[in-house]
Protein backbone atom coordinates (compact mmCIF):
# COMPACT_ATOMS: atom_id res chain seq x y z
CA UNK A 1 127.14 106.40 119.18
CA UNK A 2 127.28 109.47 116.93
CA UNK A 3 125.13 107.84 114.49
CA UNK A 4 122.44 107.19 116.98
CA UNK A 5 122.45 110.62 118.14
CA UNK A 6 122.16 111.85 114.73
CA UNK A 7 119.47 109.36 113.73
CA UNK A 8 117.48 110.46 117.17
CA UNK A 9 117.87 114.33 116.09
CA UNK A 10 116.60 113.37 112.58
CA UNK A 11 113.57 111.48 114.17
CA UNK A 12 112.77 114.65 116.33
CA UNK A 13 113.07 116.88 113.37
CA UNK A 14 110.82 114.59 111.34
CA UNK A 15 108.25 114.71 113.92
CA UNK A 16 108.58 118.42 114.48
CA UNK A 17 107.88 118.73 110.78
CA UNK A 18 104.84 116.42 110.71
CA UNK A 19 103.38 118.23 113.48
CA UNK A 20 103.91 121.51 111.48
CA UNK A 21 102.44 119.70 108.23
CA UNK A 22 99.49 118.77 110.28
CA UNK A 23 98.85 122.13 111.46
CA UNK A 24 99.08 123.28 107.73
CA UNK A 25 96.37 120.78 106.67
CA UNK A 26 94.08 121.47 109.83
CA UNK A 27 93.87 125.09 108.67
CA UNK A 28 95.82 126.72 111.12
CA UNK A 29 98.10 128.29 108.92
CA UNK A 30 99.65 131.42 110.28
CA UNK A 31 102.35 133.88 109.56
CA UNK A 32 104.66 132.29 111.84
CA UNK A 33 104.71 128.87 110.27
CA UNK A 34 107.00 130.02 107.53
CA UNK A 35 109.76 131.15 110.08
CA UNK A 36 109.31 127.95 112.03
CA UNK A 37 110.04 126.03 109.06
CA UNK A 38 112.96 128.02 108.09
CA UNK A 39 114.12 127.73 111.58
CA UNK A 40 113.49 123.82 111.20
CA UNK A 41 115.28 123.80 108.10
CA UNK A 42 118.43 125.55 109.55
CA UNK A 43 118.44 122.93 112.56
CA UNK A 44 118.24 120.19 109.95
CA UNK A 45 121.08 121.38 107.71
CA UNK A 46 123.56 120.06 110.02
CA UNK A 47 122.02 116.62 110.52
CA UNK A 48 121.05 115.52 107.18
CA UNK A 49 122.57 115.70 103.52
CA UNK A 50 119.66 117.67 101.77
CA UNK A 51 117.18 119.06 104.15
CA UNK A 52 115.19 120.97 101.55
CA UNK A 53 114.53 117.86 99.36
CA UNK A 54 113.55 115.82 103.02
CA UNK A 55 111.35 118.55 104.07
CA UNK A 56 109.27 118.83 100.67
CA UNK A 57 109.58 115.09 100.32
CA UNK A 58 107.81 114.86 103.68
CA UNK A 59 105.10 117.42 103.18
CA UNK A 60 104.21 115.53 99.96
CA UNK A 61 104.17 112.39 101.80
CA UNK A 62 101.83 114.29 104.25
CA UNK A 63 99.57 115.71 101.68
CA UNK A 64 99.01 112.18 99.81
CA UNK A 65 98.34 110.51 103.42
CA UNK A 66 95.81 113.72 103.98
CA UNK A 67 94.40 113.32 100.74
CA UNK A 68 94.08 109.38 100.86
CA UNK A 69 92.44 109.75 104.24
CA UNK A 70 89.81 112.29 103.31
CA UNK A 71 89.10 110.26 100.19
CA UNK A 72 88.30 106.87 102.22
CA UNK A 73 86.44 108.87 104.81
CA UNK A 74 84.11 110.60 102.22
CA UNK A 75 83.42 107.12 100.78
CA UNK A 76 83.11 105.62 103.80
CA UNK A 77 80.33 108.28 105.45
CA UNK A 78 79.00 109.36 102.01
CA UNK A 79 78.62 106.14 100.01
CA UNK A 80 78.64 102.99 102.06
CA UNK A 81 76.75 101.28 99.31
CA UNK A 82 79.19 101.51 96.50
CA UNK A 83 81.99 100.47 98.78
CA UNK A 84 80.13 97.24 99.64
CA UNK A 85 79.46 96.79 96.07
CA UNK A 86 83.28 97.23 94.88
CA UNK A 87 84.19 94.76 97.73
CA UNK A 88 81.76 92.11 96.76
CA UNK A 89 82.57 92.55 93.09
CA UNK A 90 86.27 92.27 93.61
CA UNK A 91 86.09 89.38 96.00
CA UNK A 92 83.98 87.25 93.21
CA UNK A 93 86.53 88.67 90.55
CA UNK A 94 89.72 87.46 92.55
CA UNK A 95 87.99 84.28 93.19
CA UNK A 96 86.84 83.47 89.79
CA UNK A 97 90.30 84.66 88.38
CA UNK A 98 91.88 82.26 90.95
CA UNK A 99 89.75 79.25 90.31
CA UNK A 100 90.57 80.01 86.55
CA UNK A 101 94.46 79.88 87.24
CA UNK A 102 94.61 77.16 89.55
CA UNK A 103 92.69 74.95 87.15
CA UNK A 104 94.82 75.76 84.02
CA UNK A 105 97.98 75.51 86.28
CA UNK A 106 97.08 72.22 88.02
CA UNK A 107 96.34 70.41 84.97
CA UNK A 108 98.95 72.14 82.89
CA UNK A 109 96.83 73.18 80.13
CA UNK A 110 98.69 74.55 77.28
CA UNK A 111 96.25 74.73 74.27
CA UNK A 112 94.64 77.96 73.67
CA UNK A 113 91.28 76.35 72.72
CA UNK A 114 91.16 74.30 76.13
CA UNK A 115 92.25 77.43 78.07
CA UNK A 116 89.06 79.32 76.48
CA UNK A 117 86.75 76.10 77.42
CA UNK A 118 87.95 76.06 80.93
CA UNK A 119 87.75 80.00 81.32
CA UNK A 120 84.68 81.06 79.33
CA UNK A 121 82.22 79.22 82.07
CA UNK A 122 83.71 80.51 84.91
CA UNK A 123 84.11 84.08 83.42
CA UNK A 124 80.30 83.90 82.25
CA UNK A 125 79.36 82.74 85.86
CA UNK A 126 81.71 85.78 87.50
CA UNK A 127 80.00 88.07 85.08
CA UNK A 128 76.62 86.97 86.00
CA UNK A 129 77.08 87.04 89.61
CA UNK A 130 78.57 90.54 89.53
CA UNK A 131 75.62 91.88 87.31
CA UNK A 132 73.31 90.35 89.81
CA UNK A 133 74.76 91.80 93.11
CA UNK A 134 75.35 95.15 91.41
CA UNK A 135 72.04 95.60 89.46
CA UNK A 136 69.22 93.36 90.74
CA UNK A 137 69.99 92.38 94.35
CA UNK A 138 72.87 92.80 96.59
CA UNK A 139 72.17 89.64 98.56
CA UNK A 140 74.31 88.49 101.57
CA UNK A 141 75.68 85.03 102.18
CA UNK A 142 72.97 82.23 103.45
CA UNK A 143 74.61 82.32 106.83
CA UNK A 144 74.38 86.03 107.31
CA UNK A 145 73.74 87.20 110.77
CA UNK A 146 73.62 90.61 113.04
CA UNK A 147 77.12 91.44 114.36
CA UNK A 148 77.71 89.69 117.49
CA UNK A 149 78.53 92.52 120.39
CA UNK A 150 78.11 95.09 117.74
CA UNK A 151 81.51 93.87 116.01
CA UNK A 152 81.62 90.44 114.43
CA UNK A 153 79.47 89.15 111.77
CA UNK A 154 79.55 86.65 108.66
CA UNK A 155 81.33 89.55 106.47
CA UNK A 156 84.02 90.04 109.22
CA UNK A 157 84.50 86.18 109.54
CA UNK A 158 84.84 85.77 106.02
CA UNK A 159 87.66 88.49 105.90
CA UNK A 160 89.31 86.59 109.14
CA UNK A 161 89.12 83.66 106.90
CA UNK A 162 90.81 85.25 103.93
CA UNK A 163 94.33 85.70 106.12
CA UNK A 164 95.24 82.06 106.32
CA UNK A 165 93.86 81.46 102.86
CA UNK A 166 96.11 84.42 101.40
CA UNK A 167 99.07 82.78 103.32
CA UNK A 168 98.54 79.40 101.45
CA UNK A 169 98.00 81.39 98.20
CA UNK A 170 101.12 83.35 97.98
CA UNK A 171 103.03 80.24 99.36
CA UNK A 172 101.38 78.13 96.16
CA UNK A 173 102.39 80.97 93.80
CA UNK A 174 105.90 81.08 95.32
CA UNK A 175 106.44 77.39 95.13
CA UNK A 176 105.07 77.36 91.75
CA UNK A 177 107.14 80.09 90.37
CA UNK A 178 110.29 78.16 91.92
CA UNK A 179 108.94 74.86 90.16
CA UNK A 180 108.30 76.59 86.95
CA UNK A 181 111.87 78.52 86.89
CA UNK A 182 113.80 75.27 88.03
CA UNK A 183 111.77 73.14 85.08
CA UNK A 184 112.71 76.26 82.43
CA UNK A 185 116.18 76.05 83.57
CA UNK A 186 116.76 72.47 83.11
CA UNK A 187 115.04 72.40 79.81
CA UNK A 188 117.47 75.36 78.51
CA UNK A 189 120.38 73.58 79.93
CA UNK A 190 119.54 70.45 78.08
CA UNK A 191 118.89 72.35 75.04
CA UNK A 192 122.27 74.30 75.31
CA UNK A 193 124.16 70.90 75.27
């Protein structure tokens, strides 16, 4: 029960600090802020081991959060075109790399020349497509349509489809790693004997 009470007090102090940090980030810093922070640290001293370190760590976290948020807001509102191009380019690059890796792993291609012969055409296609969409024409998929109800369009459905595909992909990676590890362990045990 004492531990629960201490956790609740730590959480309330953290919430109080985050509120104080929010006031600091919003530009409403006043002379009383220093006194509030000192008072809060004195209250925290009895509840946590190193209140100054915790306080500064949370302040650092709040500043990182504020910086990331302002960065993404700037990108979103100031330069939507670049985010669209980066989104499409990275999707193409991931798909191309995934195709190369899946072909090499599925057919267990070990000879370097064969790996290059498989990878080169896919890399050429990916590079050509990225250059095309970035420097010639950023064209959407064939089945693009206006957002239904202002929310759901072809691009959002693509991202929805990637959720189960990502689950399958990481399941394959985990299973493949387990298989490779077990086969390598078997080989090393047979060599040791």
